[in-house]
Amino acid sequence: MASRESAIEIGLQWLAAGGHLSVSVDENEVTLSAEKAEVNQYLQKELYTALKGVLNEMAAYRKYFSSADLKVLIQ
């Protein structure tokens, strides 16, 4: 997906907090389940803010990298 791992992790937690699915993380293994998790609007709002921040940071990096002078990037 060419996304940061943290963006995917927060996105999955956000979906779970919205009651769309269940997520279980055990070390490096992530398990998704169609079983609906309990809706937690407060957690979902906090996770949305975090996700939005990570996605904005990724977008800014990509914008900079796509328009930066190649000579500056290679130094």
PDB file of N, CA and C in Angstrom:
ATOM      1  N   MET A   1       0.814  -1.197   0.000  1.00  0.00           N
ATOM      2  CA  MET A   1       0.000   0.000   0.000  1.00  0.00           C
ATOM      3  C   MET A   1       0.855   1.258   0.000  1.00  0.00           C
ATOM      4  N   ALA A   2       2.162   1.102   0.101  1.00  0.00           N
ATOM      5  CA  ALA A   2       3.076   2.238   0.136  1.00  0.00           C
ATOM      6  C   ALA A   2       2.693   3.213   1.248  1.00  0.00           C
ATOM      7  N   SER A   3       2.266   2.675   2.364  1.00  0.00           N
ATOM      8  CA  SER A   3       1.902   3.486   3.521  1.00  0.00           C
ATOM      9  C   SER A   3       2.756   3.091   4.709  1.00  0.00           C
ATOM     10  N   ARG A   4       2.867   4.011   5.632  1.00  0.00           N
ATOM     11  CA  ARG A   4       3.593   3.685   6.855  1.00  0.00           C
ATOM     12  C   ARG A   4       2.819   2.639   7.652  1.00  0.00           C
ATOM     13  N   GLU A   5       3.561   1.792   8.306  1.00  0.00           N
ATOM     14  CA  GLU A   5       2.950   0.749   9.119  1.00  0.00           C
ATOM     15  C   GLU A   5       2.029   1.352  10.178  1.00  0.00           C
ATOM     16  N   SER A   6       2.444   2.479  10.730  1.00  0.00           N
ATOM     17  CA  SER A   6       1.624   3.112  11.770  1.00  0.00           C
ATOM     18  C   SER A   6       0.280   3.577  11.212  1.00  0.00           C
ATOM     19  N   ALA A   7       0.255   4.026   9.952  1.00  0.00           N
ATOM     20  CA  ALA A   7      -1.007   4.467   9.344  1.00  0.00           C
ATOM     21  C   ALA A   7      -1.969   3.291   9.207  1.00  0.00           C
ATOM     22  N   ILE A   8      -1.441   2.151   8.803  1.00  0.00           N
ATOM     23  CA  ILE A   8      -2.287   0.965   8.650  1.00  0.00           C
ATOM     24  C   ILE A   8      -2.786   0.488  10.011  1.00  0.00           C
ATOM     25  N   GLU A   9      -1.888   0.467  10.981  1.00  0.00           N
ATOM     26  CA  GLU A   9      -2.267   0.019  12.326  1.00  0.00           C
ATOM     27  C   GLU A   9      -3.336   0.923  12.934  1.00  0.00           C
ATOM     28  N   ILE A  10      -3.137   2.232  12.846  1.00  0.00           N
ATOM     29  CA  ILE A  10      -4.115   3.179  13.401  1.00  0.00           C
ATOM     30  C   ILE A  10      -5.430   3.078  12.635  1.00  0.00           C
ATOM     31  N   GLY A  11      -5.346   2.911  11.315  1.00  0.00           N
ATOM     32  CA  GLY A  11      -6.557   2.774  10.506  1.00  0.00           C
ATOM     33  C   GLY A  11      -7.378   1.555  10.901  1.00  0.00           C
ATOM     34  N   LEU A  12      -6.704   0.437  11.147  1.00  0.00           N
ATOM     35  CA  LEU A  12      -7.411  -0.768  11.582  1.00  0.00           C
ATOM     36  C   LEU A  12      -8.024  -0.578  12.966  1.00  0.00           C
ATOM     37  N   GLN A  13      -7.295   0.066  13.861  1.00  0.00           N
ATOM     38  CA  GLN A  13      -7.833   0.341  15.201  1.00  0.00           C
ATOM     39  C   GLN A  13      -9.040   1.271  15.108  1.00  0.00           C
ATOM     40  N   TRP A  14      -8.985   2.235  14.192  1.00  0.00           N
ATOM     41  CA  TRP A  14     -10.098   3.171  13.978  1.00  0.00           C
ATOM     42  C   TRP A  14     -11.338   2.417  13.494  1.00  0.00           C
ATOM     43  N   LEU A  15     -11.134   1.491  12.543  1.00  0.00           N
ATOM     44  CA  LEU A  15     -12.261   0.690  12.060  1.00  0.00           C
ATOM     45  C   LEU A  15     -12.853  -0.162  13.186  1.00  0.00           C
ATOM     46  N   ALA A  16     -11.988  -0.740  14.009  1.00  0.00           N
ATOM     47  CA  ALA A  16     -12.462  -1.551  15.134  1.00  0.00           C
ATOM     48  C   ALA A  16     -13.225  -0.697  16.134  1.00  0.00           C
ATOM     49  N   ALA A  17     -12.731   0.502  16.429  1.00  0.00           N
ATOM     50  CA  ALA A  17     -13.417   1.388  17.376  1.00  0.00           C
ATOM     51  C   ALA A  17     -14.782   1.812  16.843  1.00  0.00           C
ATOM     52  N   GLY A  18     -14.939   1.803  15.528  1.00  0.00           N
ATOM     53  CA  GLY A  18     -16.227   2.124  14.918  1.00  0.00           C
ATOM     54  C   GLY A  18     -17.167   0.935  14.843  1.00  0.00           C
ATOM     55  N   GLY A  19     -16.697  -0.228  15.300  1.00  0.00           N
ATOM     56  CA  GLY A  19     -17.534  -1.415  15.321  1.00  0.00           C
ATOM     57  C   GLY A  19     -17.610  -2.144  13.991  1.00  0.00           C
ATOM     58  N   HIS A  20     -16.692  -1.859  13.061  1.00  0.00           N
ATOM     59  CA  HIS A  20     -16.738  -2.468  11.734  1.00  0.00           C
ATOM     60  C   HIS A  20     -16.093  -3.849  11.682  1.00  0.00           C
ATOM     61  N   LEU A  21     -15.124  -4.094  12.558  1.00  0.00           N
ATOM     62  CA  LEU A  21     -14.414  -5.368  12.588  1.00  0.00           C
ATOM     63  C   LEU A  21     -13.680  -5.499  13.908  1.00  0.00           C
ATOM     64  N   SER A  22     -13.070  -6.648  14.111  1.00  0.00           N
ATOM     65  CA  SER A  22     -12.241  -6.847  15.300  1.00  0.00           C
ATOM     66  C   SER A  22     -10.801  -7.033  14.854  1.00  0.00           C
ATOM     67  N   VAL A  23      -9.878  -6.479  15.609  1.00  0.00           N
ATOM     68  CA  VAL A  23      -8.452  -6.555  15.303  1.00  0.00           C
ATOM     69  C   VAL A  23      -7.729  -7.111  16.518  1.00  0.00           C
ATOM     70  N   SER A  24      -6.851  -8.065  16.263  1.00  0.00           N
ATOM     71  CA  SER A  24      -6.025  -8.625  17.316  1.00  0.00           C
ATOM     72  C   SER A  24      -4.580  -8.580  16.843  1.00  0.00           C
ATOM     73  N   VAL A  25      -3.688  -8.013  17.673  1.00  0.00           N
ATOM     74  CA  VAL A  25      -2.273  -7.920  17.327  1.00  0.00           C
ATOM     75  C   VAL A  25      -1.474  -8.699  18.353  1.00  0.00           C
ATOM     76  N   ASP A  26      -0.681  -9.661  17.860  1.00  0.00           N
ATOM     77  CA  ASP A  26       0.176 -10.472  18.722  1.00  0.00           C
ATOM     78  C   ASP A  26       1.571 -10.447  18.115  1.00  0.00           C
ATOM     79  N   GLU A  27       2.454  -9.636  18.711  1.00  0.00           N
ATOM     80  CA  GLU A  27       3.807  -9.411  18.199  1.00  0.00           C
ATOM     81  C   GLU A  27       3.713  -8.913  16.756  1.00  0.00           C
ATOM     82  N   ASN A  28       4.147  -9.692  15.770  1.00  0.00           N
ATOM     83  CA  ASN A  28       4.132  -9.251  14.370  1.00  0.00           C
ATOM     84  C   ASN A  28       2.960  -9.803  13.583  1.00  0.00           C
ATOM     85  N   GLU A  29       2.012 -10.424  14.251  1.00  0.00           N
ATOM     86  CA  GLU A  29       0.885 -11.051  13.568  1.00  0.00           C
ATOM     87  C   GLU A  29      -0.399 -10.282  13.865  1.00  0.00           C
ATOM     88  N   VAL A  30      -1.079  -9.884  12.802  1.00  0.00           N
ATOM     89  CA  VAL A  30      -2.341  -9.161  12.927  1.00  0.00           C
ATOM     90  C   VAL A  30      -3.447 -10.069  12.427  1.00  0.00           C
ATOM     91  N   THR A  31      -4.506 -10.200  13.234  1.00  0.00           N
ATOM     92  CA  THR A  31      -5.652 -11.012  12.856  1.00  0.00           C
ATOM     93  C   THR A  31      -6.880 -10.125  12.783  1.00  0.00           C
ATOM     94  N   LEU A  32      -7.547 -10.160  11.639  1.00  0.00           N
ATOM     95  CA  LEU A  32      -8.788  -9.414  11.449  1.00  0.00           C
ATOM     96  C   LEU A  32      -9.948 -10.388  11.500  1.00  0.00           C
ATOM     97  N   SER A  33     -11.047  -9.931  12.057  1.00  0.00           N
ATOM     98  CA  SER A  33     -12.231 -10.770  12.172  1.00  0.00           C
ATOM     99  C   SER A  33     -13.454  -9.953  11.779  1.00  0.00           C
ATOM    100  N   ALA A  34     -14.373 -10.600  11.102  1.00  0.00           N
ATOM    101  CA  ALA A  34     -15.624  -9.937  10.726  1.00  0.00           C
ATOM    102  C   ALA A  34     -16.527  -9.709  11.932  1.00  0.00           C
ATOM    103  N   GLU A  35     -16.168 -10.329  13.059  1.00  0.00           N
ATOM    104  CA  GLU A  35     -16.931 -10.134  14.289  1.00  0.00           C
ATOM    105  C   GLU A  35     -16.894  -8.646  14.650  1.00  0.00           C
ATOM    106  N   LYS A  36     -18.034  -8.088  14.891  1.00  0.00           N
ATOM    107  CA  LYS A  36     -18.127  -6.651  15.175  1.00  0.00           C
ATOM    108  C   LYS A  36     -17.640  -6.341  16.587  1.00  0.00           C
ATOM    109  N   ALA A  37     -16.780  -5.368  16.677  1.00  0.00           N
ATOM    110  CA  ALA A  37     -16.312  -4.905  17.980  1.00  0.00           C
ATOM    111  C   ALA A  37     -17.316  -3.900  18.535  1.00  0.00           C
ATOM    112  N   GLU A  38     -17.240  -3.653  19.814  1.00  0.00           N
ATOM    113  CA  GLU A  38     -18.112  -2.663  20.445  1.00  0.00           C
ATOM    114  C   GLU A  38     -17.704  -1.267  19.974  1.00  0.00           C
ATOM    115  N   VAL A  39     -18.689  -0.444  19.644  1.00  0.00           N
ATOM    116  CA  VAL A  39     -18.417   0.914  19.180  1.00  0.00           C
ATOM    117  C   VAL A  39     -17.940   1.769  20.348  1.00  0.00           C
ATOM    118  N   ASN A  40     -16.840   2.465  20.118  1.00  0.00           N
ATOM    119  CA  ASN A  40     -16.293   3.392  21.105  1.00  0.00           C
ATOM    120  C   ASN A  40     -16.044   4.718  20.392  1.00  0.00           C
ATOM    121  N   GLN A  41     -17.036   5.601  20.428  1.00  0.00           N
ATOM    122  CA  GLN A  41     -16.968   6.858  19.684  1.00  0.00           C
ATOM    123  C   GLN A  41     -15.806   7.745  20.133  1.00  0.00           C
ATOM    124  N   TYR A  42     -15.505   7.739  21.413  1.00  0.00           N
ATOM    125  CA  TYR A  42     -14.423   8.588  21.920  1.00  0.00           C
ATOM    126  C   TYR A  42     -13.065   8.113  21.406  1.00  0.00           C
ATOM    127  N   LEU A  43     -12.848   6.798  21.450  1.00  0.00           N
ATOM    128  CA  LEU A  43     -11.600   6.241  20.937  1.00  0.00           C
ATOM    129  C   LEU A  43     -11.521   6.439  19.430  1.00  0.00           C
ATOM    130  N   GLN A  44     -12.636   6.261  18.755  1.00  0.00           N
ATOM    131  CA  GLN A  44     -12.653   6.435  17.303  1.00  0.00           C
ATOM    132  C   GLN A  44     -12.270   7.869  16.931  1.00  0.00           C
ATOM    133  N   LYS A  45     -12.759   8.834  17.679  1.00  0.00           N
ATOM    134  CA  LYS A  45     -12.428  10.235  17.404  1.00  0.00           C
ATOM    135  C   LYS A  45     -10.928  10.492  17.618  1.00  0.00           C
ATOM    136  N   GLU A  46     -10.371   9.956  18.698  1.00  0.00           N
ATOM    137  CA  GLU A  46      -8.937  10.119  18.970  1.00  0.00           C
ATOM    138  C   GLU A  46      -8.094   9.446  17.889  1.00  0.00           C
ATOM    139  N   LEU A  47      -8.504   8.251  17.480  1.00  0.00           N
ATOM    140  CA  LEU A  47      -7.764   7.534  16.447  1.00  0.00           C
ATOM    141  C   LEU A  47      -7.871   8.243  15.100  1.00  0.00           C
ATOM    142  N   TYR A  48      -9.018   8.851  14.815  1.00  0.00           N
ATOM    143  CA  TYR A  48      -9.176   9.610  13.577  1.00  0.00           C
ATOM    144  C   TYR A  48      -8.193  10.777  13.544  1.00  0.00           C
ATOM    145  N   THR A  49      -8.059  11.457  14.664  1.00  0.00           N
ATOM    146  CA  THR A  49      -7.119  12.578  14.739  1.00  0.00           C
ATOM    147  C   THR A  49      -5.689  12.098  14.506  1.00  0.00           C
ATOM    148  N   ALA A  50      -5.332  10.973  15.117  1.00  0.00           N
ATOM    149  CA  ALA A  50      -3.987  10.412  14.937  1.00  0.00           C
ATOM    150  C   ALA A  50      -3.776   9.964  13.500  1.00  0.00           C
ATOM    151  N   LEU A  51      -4.761   9.291  12.930  1.00  0.00           N
ATOM    152  CA  LEU A  51      -4.653   8.813  11.551  1.00  0.00           C
ATOM    153  C   LEU A  51      -4.529   9.980  10.581  1.00  0.00           C
ATOM    154  N   LYS A  52      -5.324  10.989  10.789  1.00  0.00           N
ATOM    155  CA  LYS A  52      -5.270  12.170   9.926  1.00  0.00           C
ATOM    156  C   LYS A  52      -3.880  12.808   9.976  1.00  0.00           C
ATOM    157  N   GLY A  53      -3.279  12.867  11.163  1.00  0.00           N
ATOM    158  CA  GLY A  53      -1.940  13.420  11.304  1.00  0.00           C
ATOM    159  C   GLY A  53      -0.897  12.616  10.555  1.00  0.00           C
ATOM    160  N   VAL A  54      -0.961  11.286  10.674  1.00  0.00           N
ATOM    161  CA  VAL A  54      -0.001  10.414   9.979  1.00  0.00           C
ATOM    162  C   VAL A  54      -0.175  10.537   8.467  1.00  0.00           C
ATOM    163  N   LEU A  55      -1.416  10.548   7.994  1.00  0.00           N
ATOM    164  CA  LEU A  55      -1.668  10.660   6.560  1.00  0.00           C
ATOM    165  C   LEU A  55      -1.231  12.019   6.019  1.00  0.00           C
ATOM    166  N   ASN A  56      -1.444  13.076   6.777  1.00  0.00           N
ATOM    167  CA  ASN A  56      -0.991  14.411   6.360  1.00  0.00           C
ATOM    168  C   ASN A  56       0.530  14.468   6.279  1.00  0.00           C
ATOM    169  N   GLU A  57       1.203  13.843   7.248  1.00  0.00           N
ATOM    170  CA  GLU A  57       2.663  13.801   7.238  1.00  0.00           C
ATOM    171  C   GLU A  57       3.174  13.044   6.009  1.00  0.00           C
ATOM    172  N   MET A  58       2.544  11.911   5.697  1.00  0.00           N
ATOM    173  CA  MET A  58       2.939  11.140   4.519  1.00  0.00           C
ATOM    174  C   MET A  58       2.723  11.944   3.243  1.00  0.00           C
ATOM    175  N   ALA A  59       1.603  12.640   3.165  1.00  0.00           N
ATOM    176  CA  ALA A  59       1.305  13.439   1.981  1.00  0.00           C
ATOM    177  C   ALA A  59       2.321  14.575   1.813  1.00  0.00           C
ATOM    178  N   ALA A  60       2.694  15.218   2.916  1.00  0.00           N
ATOM    179  CA  ALA A  60       3.678  16.300   2.849  1.00  0.00           C
ATOM    180  C   ALA A  60       5.035  15.772   2.406  1.00  0.00           C
ATOM    181  N   TYR A  61       5.430  14.613   2.925  1.00  0.00           N
ATOM    182  CA  TYR A  61       6.705  14.003   2.534  1.00  0.00           C
ATOM    183  C   TYR A  61       6.699  13.678   1.045  1.00  0.00           C
ATOM    184  N   ARG A  62       5.633  13.062   0.568  1.00  0.00           N
ATOM    185  CA  ARG A  62       5.550  12.694  -0.846  1.00  0.00           C
ATOM    186  C   ARG A  62       5.544  13.927  -1.739  1.00  0.00           C
ATOM    187  N   LYS A  63       4.846  14.959  -1.312  1.00  0.00           N
ATOM    188  CA  LYS A  63       4.819  16.192  -2.101  1.00  0.00           C
ATOM    189  C   LYS A  63       6.215  16.791  -2.176  1.00  0.00           C
ATOM    190  N   TYR A  64       6.897  16.869  -1.050  1.00  0.00           N
ATOM    191  CA  TYR A  64       8.256  17.413  -1.030  1.00  0.00           C
ATOM    192  C   TYR A  64       9.180  16.565  -1.894  1.00  0.00           C
ATOM    193  N   PHE A  65       9.133  15.252  -1.714  1.00  0.00           N
ATOM    194  CA  PHE A  65      10.035  14.356  -2.426  1.00  0.00           C
ATOM    195  C   PHE A  65       9.803  14.420  -3.929  1.00  0.00           C
ATOM    196  N   SER A  66       8.559  14.599  -4.359  1.00  0.00           N
ATOM    197  CA  SER A  66       8.257  14.641  -5.794  1.00  0.00           C
ATOM    198  C   SER A  66       8.661  15.955  -6.446  1.00  0.00           C
ATOM    199  N   SER A  67       8.817  17.012  -5.636  1.00  0.00           N
ATOM    200  CA  SER A  67       9.144  18.309  -6.230  1.00  0.00           C
ATOM    201  C   SER A  67      10.542  18.819  -5.836  1.00  0.00           C
ATOM    202  N   ALA A  68      11.256  18.105  -4.964  1.00  0.00           N
ATOM    203  CA  ALA A  68      12.571  18.552  -4.504  1.00  0.00           C
ATOM    204  C   ALA A  68      13.601  18.407  -5.624  1.00  0.00           C
ATOM    205  N   ASP A  69      14.589  19.264  -5.585  1.00  0.00           N
ATOM    206  CA  ASP A  69      15.698  19.211  -6.527  1.00  0.00           C
ATOM    207  C   ASP A  69      16.485  17.923  -6.303  1.00  0.00           C
ATOM    208  N   LEU A  70      16.687  17.161  -7.364  1.00  0.00           N
ATOM    209  CA  LEU A  70      17.384  15.891  -7.267  1.00  0.00           C
ATOM    210  C   LEU A  70      18.770  16.049  -6.667  1.00  0.00           C
ATOM    211  N   LYS A  71      19.449  17.135  -6.987  1.00  0.00           N
ATOM    212  CA  LYS A  71      20.792  17.363  -6.443  1.00  0.00           C
ATOM    213  C   LYS A  71      20.769  17.497  -4.923  1.00  0.00           C
ATOM    214  N   VAL A  72      19.734  18.084  -4.396  1.00  0.00           N
ATOM    215  CA  VAL A  72      19.592  18.250  -2.941  1.00  0.00           C
ATOM    216  C   VAL A  72      19.315  16.888  -2.281  1.00  0.00           C
ATOM    217  N   LEU A  73      18.511  16.062  -2.928  1.00  0.00           N
ATOM    218  CA  LEU A  73      18.156  14.763  -2.361  1.00  0.00           C
ATOM    219  C   LEU A  73      19.335  13.795  -2.342  1.00  0.00           C
ATOM    220  N   ILE A  74      20.227  13.893  -3.316  1.00  0.00           N
ATOM    221  CA  ILE A  74      21.329  12.951  -3.440  1.00  0.00           C
ATOM    222  C   ILE A  74      22.500  13.311  -2.537  1.00  0.00           C
ATOM    223  N   GLN A  75      22.640  14.540  -2.118  1.00  0.00           N
ATOM    224  CA  GLN A  75      23.788  14.974  -1.309  1.00  0.00           C
ATOM    225  C   GLN A  75      24.041  14.111  -0.161  1.00  0.00           C
TER     226      GLN A  75
END
